[in-house]
C-alpha cells in the first residue's frame, strides 16, 4: 500500500489547547484511492484533499480550512 503525499499540523494558542488537524492531502496524487475523495466529501468545507495551483512565482498553493476545538484530542 502506498501513502499519498500529505502534511500534518499541530495547533495551539489564543486560548485553544494543543490539537491536531487531519492531514492535508493533494488532489491528483496517484496514491489517493477511489474511496478517499468520497469519504473526504463528508467533511464539507473542511475537506482534507485539496487542489494545488501554481502561482506566477512557480510555487504550488492551496487553500485549506481548519477547525479549532475547545478540547484537545491529545491525552
PDB file of N, CA and C in Angstrom:
ATOM      1  N   UNK A   1       0.841  -1.185   0.000  1.00  0.00           N
ATOM      2  CA  UNK A   1       0.000   0.000   0.000  1.00  0.00           C
ATOM      3  C   UNK A   1       0.885   1.247   0.000  1.00  0.00           C
ATOM      4  N   UNK A   2       0.539   2.202  -0.818  1.00  0.00           N
ATOM      5  CA  UNK A   2       1.269   3.469  -0.905  1.00  0.00           C
ATOM      6  C   UNK A   2       0.476   4.550  -0.178  1.00  0.00           C
ATOM      7  N   UNK A   3       1.170   5.463   0.449  1.00  0.00           N
ATOM      8  CA  UNK A   3       0.541   6.537   1.205  1.00  0.00           C
ATOM      9  C   UNK A   3       0.630   7.822   0.386  1.00  0.00           C
ATOM     10  N   UNK A   4      -0.497   8.537   0.205  1.00  0.00           N
ATOM     11  CA  UNK A   4      -0.455   9.796  -0.532  1.00  0.00           C
ATOM     12  C   UNK A   4       0.438  10.822   0.159  1.00  0.00           C
ATOM     13  N   UNK A   5       1.017  11.724  -0.621  1.00  0.00           N
ATOM     14  CA  UNK A   5       1.769  12.840  -0.046  1.00  0.00           C
ATOM     15  C   UNK A   5       0.821  13.617   0.862  1.00  0.00           C
ATOM     16  N   UNK A   6       1.324  14.065   2.010  1.00  0.00           N
ATOM     17  CA  UNK A   6       0.460  14.768   2.954  1.00  0.00           C
ATOM     18  C   UNK A   6       1.280  15.625   3.911  1.00  0.00           C
ATOM     19  N   UNK A   7       0.584  16.519   4.605  1.00  0.00           N
ATOM     20  CA  UNK A   7       1.199  17.408   5.592  1.00  0.00           C
ATOM     21  C   UNK A   7       0.411  17.266   6.884  1.00  0.00           C
ATOM     22  N   UNK A   8       1.120  17.207   8.027  1.00  0.00           N
ATOM     23  CA  UNK A   8       0.484  17.161   9.354  1.00  0.00           C
ATOM     24  C   UNK A   8       0.599  18.526  10.013  1.00  0.00           C
ATOM     25  N   UNK A   9      -0.416  18.895  10.792  1.00  0.00           N
ATOM     26  CA  UNK A   9      -0.414  20.159  11.516  1.00  0.00           C
ATOM     27  C   UNK A   9      -0.728  19.915  12.987  1.00  0.00           C
ATOM     28  N   UNK A  10      -0.059  20.637  13.872  1.00  0.00           N
ATOM     29  CA  UNK A  10      -0.419  20.718  15.294  1.00  0.00           C
ATOM     30  C   UNK A  10      -0.646  22.194  15.584  1.00  0.00           C
ATOM     31  N   UNK A  11      -1.708  22.501  16.295  1.00  0.00           N
ATOM     32  CA  UNK A  11      -2.083  23.896  16.542  1.00  0.00           C
ATOM     33  C   UNK A  11      -2.311  24.139  18.022  1.00  0.00           C
ATOM     34  N   UNK A  12      -2.024  25.342  18.476  1.00  0.00           N
ATOM     35  CA  UNK A  12      -2.339  25.753  19.834  1.00  0.00           C
ATOM     36  C   UNK A  12      -2.209  27.261  19.917  1.00  0.00           C
ATOM     37  N   UNK A  13      -2.738  27.822  20.973  1.00  0.00           N
ATOM     38  CA  UNK A  13      -2.613  29.258  21.204  1.00  0.00           C
ATOM     39  C   UNK A  13      -3.947  29.951  21.252  1.00  0.00           C
ATOM     40  N   UNK A  14      -3.925  31.206  21.657  1.00  0.00           N
ATOM     41  CA  UNK A  14      -5.126  32.052  21.734  1.00  0.00           C
ATOM     42  C   UNK A  14      -6.235  31.387  22.541  1.00  0.00           C
ATOM     43  N   UNK A  15      -5.843  30.698  23.617  1.00  0.00           N
ATOM     44  CA  UNK A  15      -6.833  30.061  24.477  1.00  0.00           C
ATOM     45  C   UNK A  15      -7.260  28.671  24.040  1.00  0.00           C
ATOM     46  N   UNK A  16      -6.713  28.171  22.949  1.00  0.00           N
ATOM     47  CA  UNK A  16      -7.039  26.821  22.490  1.00  0.00           C
ATOM     48  C   UNK A  16      -5.954  25.852  22.935  1.00  0.00           C
ATOM     49  N   UNK A  17      -6.348  24.627  23.340  1.00  0.00           N
ATOM     50  CA  UNK A  17      -5.344  23.646  23.747  1.00  0.00           C
ATOM     51  C   UNK A  17      -4.631  23.050  22.536  1.00  0.00           C
ATOM     52  N   UNK A  18      -3.523  22.386  22.778  1.00  0.00           N
ATOM     53  CA  UNK A  18      -2.801  21.683  21.723  1.00  0.00           C
ATOM     54  C   UNK A  18      -3.756  20.736  21.017  1.00  0.00           C
ATOM     55  N   UNK A  19      -3.780  20.807  19.719  1.00  0.00           N
ATOM     56  CA  UNK A  19      -4.668  19.937  18.946  1.00  0.00           C
ATOM     57  C   UNK A  19      -4.024  19.594  17.621  1.00  0.00           C
ATOM     58  N   UNK A  20      -4.575  18.631  16.958  1.00  0.00           N
ATOM     59  CA  UNK A  20      -4.071  18.260  15.647  1.00  0.00           C
ATOM     60  C   UNK A  20      -5.197  18.371  14.643  1.00  0.00           C
ATOM     61  N   UNK A  21      -4.816  18.586  13.405  1.00  0.00           N
ATOM     62  CA  UNK A  21      -5.751  18.738  12.301  1.00  0.00           C
ATOM     63  C   UNK A  21      -5.553  17.533  11.392  1.00  0.00           C
ATOM     64  N   UNK A  22      -6.631  17.097  10.768  1.00  0.00           N
ATOM     65  CA  UNK A  22      -6.494  15.990   9.816  1.00  0.00           C
ATOM     66  C   UNK A  22      -5.440  16.356   8.773  1.00  0.00           C
ATOM     67  N   UNK A  23      -4.710  15.370   8.301  1.00  0.00           N
ATOM     68  CA  UNK A  23      -3.632  15.641   7.355  1.00  0.00           C
ATOM     69  C   UNK A  23      -4.170  16.240   6.053  1.00  0.00           C
ATOM     70  N   UNK A  24      -3.413  17.158   5.491  1.00  0.00           N
ATOM     71  CA  UNK A  24      -3.722  17.775   4.209  1.00  0.00           C
ATOM     72  C   UNK A  24      -3.146  16.889   3.107  1.00  0.00           C
ATOM     73  N   UNK A  25      -4.000  16.500   2.169  1.00  0.00           N
ATOM     74  CA  UNK A  25      -3.569  15.683   1.029  1.00  0.00           C
ATOM     75  C   UNK A  25      -3.883  16.445  -0.250  1.00  0.00           C
ATOM     76  N   UNK A  26      -3.380  15.960  -1.382  1.00  0.00           N
ATOM     77  CA  UNK A  26      -3.430  16.736  -2.611  1.00  0.00           C
ATOM     78  C   UNK A  26      -4.150  16.008  -3.736  1.00  0.00           C
ATOM     79  N   UNK A  27      -5.114  16.707  -4.314  1.00  0.00           N
ATOM     80  CA  UNK A  27      -5.892  16.179  -5.432  1.00  0.00           C
ATOM     81  C   UNK A  27      -4.945  15.778  -6.566  1.00  0.00           C
ATOM     82  N   UNK A  28      -5.224  14.639  -7.174  1.00  0.00           N
ATOM     83  CA  UNK A  28      -4.404  14.173  -8.285  1.00  0.00           C
ATOM     84  C   UNK A  28      -3.252  13.276  -7.871  1.00  0.00           C
ATOM     85  N   UNK A  29      -3.018  13.125  -6.561  1.00  0.00           N
ATOM     86  CA  UNK A  29      -1.954  12.233  -6.092  1.00  0.00           C
ATOM     87  C   UNK A  29      -2.301  10.806  -6.527  1.00  0.00           C
ATOM     88  N   UNK A  30      -1.375  10.137  -7.132  1.00  0.00           N
ATOM     89  CA  UNK A  30      -1.650   8.784  -7.654  1.00  0.00           C
ATOM     90  C   UNK A  30      -1.950   7.763  -6.569  1.00  0.00           C
ATOM     91  N   UNK A  31      -1.636   8.074  -5.317  1.00  0.00           N
ATOM     92  CA  UNK A  31      -1.886   7.121  -4.242  1.00  0.00           C
ATOM     93  C   UNK A  31      -3.196   7.385  -3.501  1.00  0.00           C
ATOM     94  N   UNK A  32      -3.961   8.350  -3.942  1.00  0.00           N
ATOM     95  CA  UNK A  32      -5.290   8.559  -3.357  1.00  0.00           C
ATOM     96  C   UNK A  32      -6.205   7.515  -3.968  1.00  0.00           C
ATOM     97  N   UNK A  33      -6.799   6.703  -3.127  1.00  0.00           N
ATOM     98  CA  UNK A  33      -7.677   5.628  -3.594  1.00  0.00           C
ATOM     99  C   UNK A  33      -9.029   6.207  -4.006  1.00  0.00           C
ATOM    100  N   UNK A  34      -9.820   5.482  -4.793  1.00  0.00           N
ATOM    101  CA  UNK A  34     -11.138   5.971  -5.181  1.00  0.00           C
ATOM    102  C   UNK A  34     -12.051   6.247  -3.978  1.00  0.00           C
ATOM    103  N   UNK A  35     -11.858   5.536  -2.882  1.00  0.00           N
ATOM    104  CA  UNK A  35     -12.710   5.728  -1.698  1.00  0.00           C
ATOM    105  C   UNK A  35     -12.363   7.004  -0.930  1.00  0.00           C
ATOM    106  N   UNK A  36     -11.134   7.471  -1.011  1.00  0.00           N
ATOM    107  CA  UNK A  36     -10.716   8.634  -0.216  1.00  0.00           C
ATOM    108  C   UNK A  36     -11.495   9.911  -0.539  1.00  0.00           C
ATOM    109  N   UNK A  37     -11.674  10.303  -1.806  1.00  0.00           N
ATOM    110  CA  UNK A  37     -12.450  11.511  -2.082  1.00  0.00           C
ATOM    111  C   UNK A  37     -13.905  11.401  -1.639  1.00  0.00           C
ATOM    112  N   UNK A  38     -14.483  10.221  -1.751  1.00  0.00           N
ATOM    113  CA  UNK A  38     -15.867  10.018  -1.312  1.00  0.00           C
ATOM    114  C   UNK A  38     -15.979  10.230   0.188  1.00  0.00           C
ATOM    115  N   UNK A  39     -15.075   9.641   0.939  1.00  0.00           N
ATOM    116  CA  UNK A  39     -15.063   9.809   2.396  1.00  0.00           C
ATOM    117  C   UNK A  39     -14.756  11.262   2.758  1.00  0.00           C
ATOM    118  N   UNK A  40     -13.837  11.876   2.043  1.00  0.00           N
ATOM    119  CA  UNK A  40     -13.430  13.248   2.319  1.00  0.00           C
ATOM    120  C   UNK A  40     -14.579  14.238   2.089  1.00  0.00           C
ATOM    121  N   UNK A  41     -15.435  13.962   1.133  1.00  0.00           N
ATOM    122  CA  UNK A  41     -16.556  14.856   0.826  1.00  0.00           C
ATOM    123  C   UNK A  41     -17.474  15.050   2.033  1.00  0.00           C
ATOM    124  N   UNK A  42     -17.510  14.083   2.936  1.00  0.00           N
ATOM    125  CA  UNK A  42     -18.342  14.186   4.143  1.00  0.00           C
ATOM    126  C   UNK A  42     -17.900  15.341   5.042  1.00  0.00           C
ATOM    127  N   UNK A  43     -16.661  15.795   4.898  1.00  0.00           N
ATOM    128  CA  UNK A  43     -16.144  16.884   5.727  1.00  0.00           C
ATOM    129  C   UNK A  43     -16.592  18.257   5.220  1.00  0.00           C
ATOM    130  N   UNK A  44     -17.276  18.295   4.074  1.00  0.00           N
ATOM    131  CA  UNK A  44     -17.783  19.554   3.545  1.00  0.00           C
ATOM    132  C   UNK A  44     -16.678  20.566   3.320  1.00  0.00           C
ATOM    133  N   UNK A  45     -16.846  21.773   3.885  1.00  0.00           N
ATOM    134  CA  UNK A  45     -15.858  22.833   3.663  1.00  0.00           C
ATOM    135  C   UNK A  45     -14.518  22.547   4.334  1.00  0.00           C
ATOM    136  N   UNK A  46     -14.456  21.518   5.163  1.00  0.00           N
ATOM    137  CA  UNK A  46     -13.206  21.160   5.847  1.00  0.00           C
ATOM    138  C   UNK A  46     -12.542  19.938   5.201  1.00  0.00           C
ATOM    139  N   UNK A  47     -12.760  19.762   3.928  1.00  0.00           N
ATOM    140  CA  UNK A  47     -12.152  18.637   3.203  1.00  0.00           C
ATOM    141  C   UNK A  47     -10.637  18.671   3.340  1.00  0.00           C
ATOM    142  N   UNK A  48     -10.044  17.495   3.328  1.00  0.00           N
ATOM    143  CA  UNK A  48      -8.592  17.393   3.508  1.00  0.00           C
ATOM    144  C   UNK A  48      -7.839  17.118   2.208  1.00  0.00           C
ATOM    145  N   UNK A  49      -8.551  16.831   1.132  1.00  0.00           N
ATOM    146  CA  UNK A  49      -7.902  16.650  -0.172  1.00  0.00           C
ATOM    147  C   UNK A  49      -8.143  17.940  -0.951  1.00  0.00           C
ATOM    148  N   UNK A  50      -7.056  18.640  -1.249  1.00  0.00           N
ATOM    149  CA  UNK A  50      -7.164  19.955  -1.874  1.00  0.00           C
ATOM    150  C   UNK A  50      -6.427  20.014  -3.212  1.00  0.00           C
ATOM    151  N   UNK A  51      -6.934  20.873  -4.100  1.00  0.00           N
ATOM    152  CA  UNK A  51      -6.313  21.085  -5.409  1.00  0.00           C
ATOM    153  C   UNK A  51      -5.145  22.055  -5.269  1.00  0.00           C
ATOM    154  N   UNK A  52      -4.037  21.719  -5.883  1.00  0.00           N
ATOM    155  CA  UNK A  52      -2.877  22.614  -5.928  1.00  0.00           C
ATOM    156  C   UNK A  52      -2.949  23.460  -7.197  1.00  0.00           C
ATOM    157  N   UNK A  53      -2.600  24.726  -7.066  1.00  0.00           N
ATOM    158  CA  UNK A  53      -2.489  25.599  -8.231  1.00  0.00           C
ATOM    159  C   UNK A  53      -1.102  26.222  -8.212  1.00  0.00           C
ATOM    160  N   UNK A  54      -0.582  26.458  -9.389  1.00  0.00           N
ATOM    161  CA  UNK A  54       0.753  27.040  -9.479  1.00  0.00           C
ATOM    162  C   UNK A  54       0.648  28.550  -9.622  1.00  0.00           C
ATOM    163  N   UNK A  55       1.344  29.254  -8.739  1.00  0.00           N
ATOM    164  CA  UNK A  55       1.362  30.706  -8.779  1.00  0.00           C
ATOM    165  C   UNK A  55       2.331  31.222  -9.825  1.00  0.00           C
ATOM    166  N   UNK A  56       2.283  32.512 -10.053  1.00  0.00           N
ATOM    167  CA  UNK A  56       3.190  33.141 -11.021  1.00  0.00           C
ATOM    168  C   UNK A  56       4.648  32.962 -10.631  1.00  0.00           C
ATOM    169  N   UNK A  57       4.886  32.745  -9.330  1.00  0.00           N
ATOM    170  CA  UNK A  57       6.256  32.536  -8.849  1.00  0.00           C
ATOM    171  C   UNK A  57       6.723  31.098  -9.012  1.00  0.00           C
ATOM    172  N   UNK A  58       5.837  30.228  -9.538  1.00  0.00           N
ATOM    173  CA  UNK A  58       6.183  28.829  -9.760  1.00  0.00           C
ATOM    174  C   UNK A  58       5.887  27.917  -8.578  1.00  0.00           C
ATOM    175  N   UNK A  59       5.569  28.494  -7.407  1.00  0.00           N
ATOM    176  CA  UNK A  59       5.256  27.691  -6.220  1.00  0.00           C
ATOM    177  C   UNK A  59       3.842  27.130  -6.332  1.00  0.00           C
ATOM    178  N   UNK A  60       3.618  26.004  -5.670  1.00  0.00           N
ATOM    179  CA  UNK A  60       2.290  25.393  -5.623  1.00  0.00           C
ATOM    180  C   UNK A  60       1.561  25.881  -4.381  1.00  0.00           C
ATOM    181  N   UNK A  61       0.271  26.204  -4.537  1.00  0.00           N
ATOM    182  CA  UNK A  61      -0.545  26.730  -3.453  1.00  0.00           C
ATOM    183  C   UNK A  61      -1.864  25.974  -3.355  1.00  0.00           C
ATOM    184  N   UNK A  62      -2.455  25.993  -2.159  1.00  0.00           N
ATOM    185  CA  UNK A  62      -3.813  25.502  -1.985  1.00  0.00           C
ATOM    186  C   UNK A  62      -4.440  26.229  -0.803  1.00  0.00           C
ATOM    187  N   UNK A  63      -5.756  26.214  -0.751  1.00  0.00           N
ATOM    188  CA  UNK A  63      -6.488  26.765   0.392  1.00  0.00           C
ATOM    189  C   UNK A  63      -6.945  25.580   1.237  1.00  0.00           C
ATOM    190  N   UNK A  64      -6.910  25.745   2.541  1.00  0.00           N
ATOM    191  CA  UNK A  64      -7.241  24.640   3.443  1.00  0.00           C
ATOM    192  C   UNK A  64      -7.885  25.216   4.688  1.00  0.00           C
ATOM    193  N   UNK A  65      -9.128  24.868   4.940  1.00  0.00           N
ATOM    194  CA  UNK A  65      -9.852  25.367   6.108  1.00  0.00           C
ATOM    195  C   UNK A  65      -9.649  24.404   7.270  1.00  0.00           C
ATOM    196  N   UNK A  66      -9.415  24.959   8.441  1.00  0.00           N
ATOM    197  CA  UNK A  66      -9.241  24.146   9.635  1.00  0.00           C
ATOM    198  C   UNK A  66     -10.286  24.542  10.663  1.00  0.00           C
ATOM    199  N   UNK A  67     -10.526  23.653  11.611  1.00  0.00           N
ATOM    200  CA  UNK A  67     -11.489  23.896  12.680  1.00  0.00           C
ATOM    201  C   UNK A  67     -10.764  23.707  14.001  1.00  0.00           C
ATOM    202  N   UNK A  68     -10.786  24.744  14.848  1.00  0.00           N
ATOM    203  CA  UNK A  68     -10.202  24.630  16.182  1.00  0.00           C
ATOM    204  C   UNK A  68     -11.276  24.161  17.161  1.00  0.00           C
ATOM    205  N   UNK A  69     -10.898  23.293  18.041  1.00  0.00           N
ATOM    206  CA  UNK A  69     -11.835  22.769  19.052  1.00  0.00           C
ATOM    207  C   UNK A  69     -11.415  23.259  20.434  1.00  0.00           C
ATOM    208  N   UNK A  70     -12.389  23.381  21.314  1.00  0.00           N
ATOM    209  CA  UNK A  70     -12.096  23.893  22.674  1.00  0.00           C
ATOM    210  C   UNK A  70     -11.498  22.823  23.579  1.00  0.00           C
ATOM    211  N   UNK A  71     -11.541  21.561  23.149  1.00  0.00           N
ATOM    212  CA  UNK A  71     -10.912  20.489  23.921  1.00  0.00           C
ATOM    213  C   UNK A  71      -9.908  19.769  23.019  1.00  0.00           C
ATOM    214  N   UNK A  72      -8.873  19.247  23.621  1.00  0.00           N
ATOM    215  CA  UNK A  72      -7.804  18.597  22.876  1.00  0.00           C
ATOM    216  C   UNK A  72      -8.074  17.113  22.682  1.00  0.00           C
ATOM    217  N   UNK A  73      -7.600  16.571  21.573  1.00  0.00           N
ATOM    218  CA  UNK A  73      -7.651  15.116  21.343  1.00  0.00           C
ATOM    219  C   UNK A  73      -6.420  14.436  21.929  1.00  0.00           C
ATOM    220  N   UNK A  74      -5.431  15.240  22.347  1.00  0.00           N
ATOM    221  CA  UNK A  74      -4.227  14.696  22.977  1.00  0.00           C
ATOM    222  C   UNK A  74      -4.523  14.323  24.405  1.00  0.00           C
ATOM    223  N   UNK A  75      -3.884  13.309  24.891  1.00  0.00           N
ATOM    224  CA  UNK A  75      -4.049  12.890  26.295  1.00  0.00           C
ATOM    225  C   UNK A  75      -2.966  13.493  27.143  1.00  0.00           C
TER     226      UNK A  75
END
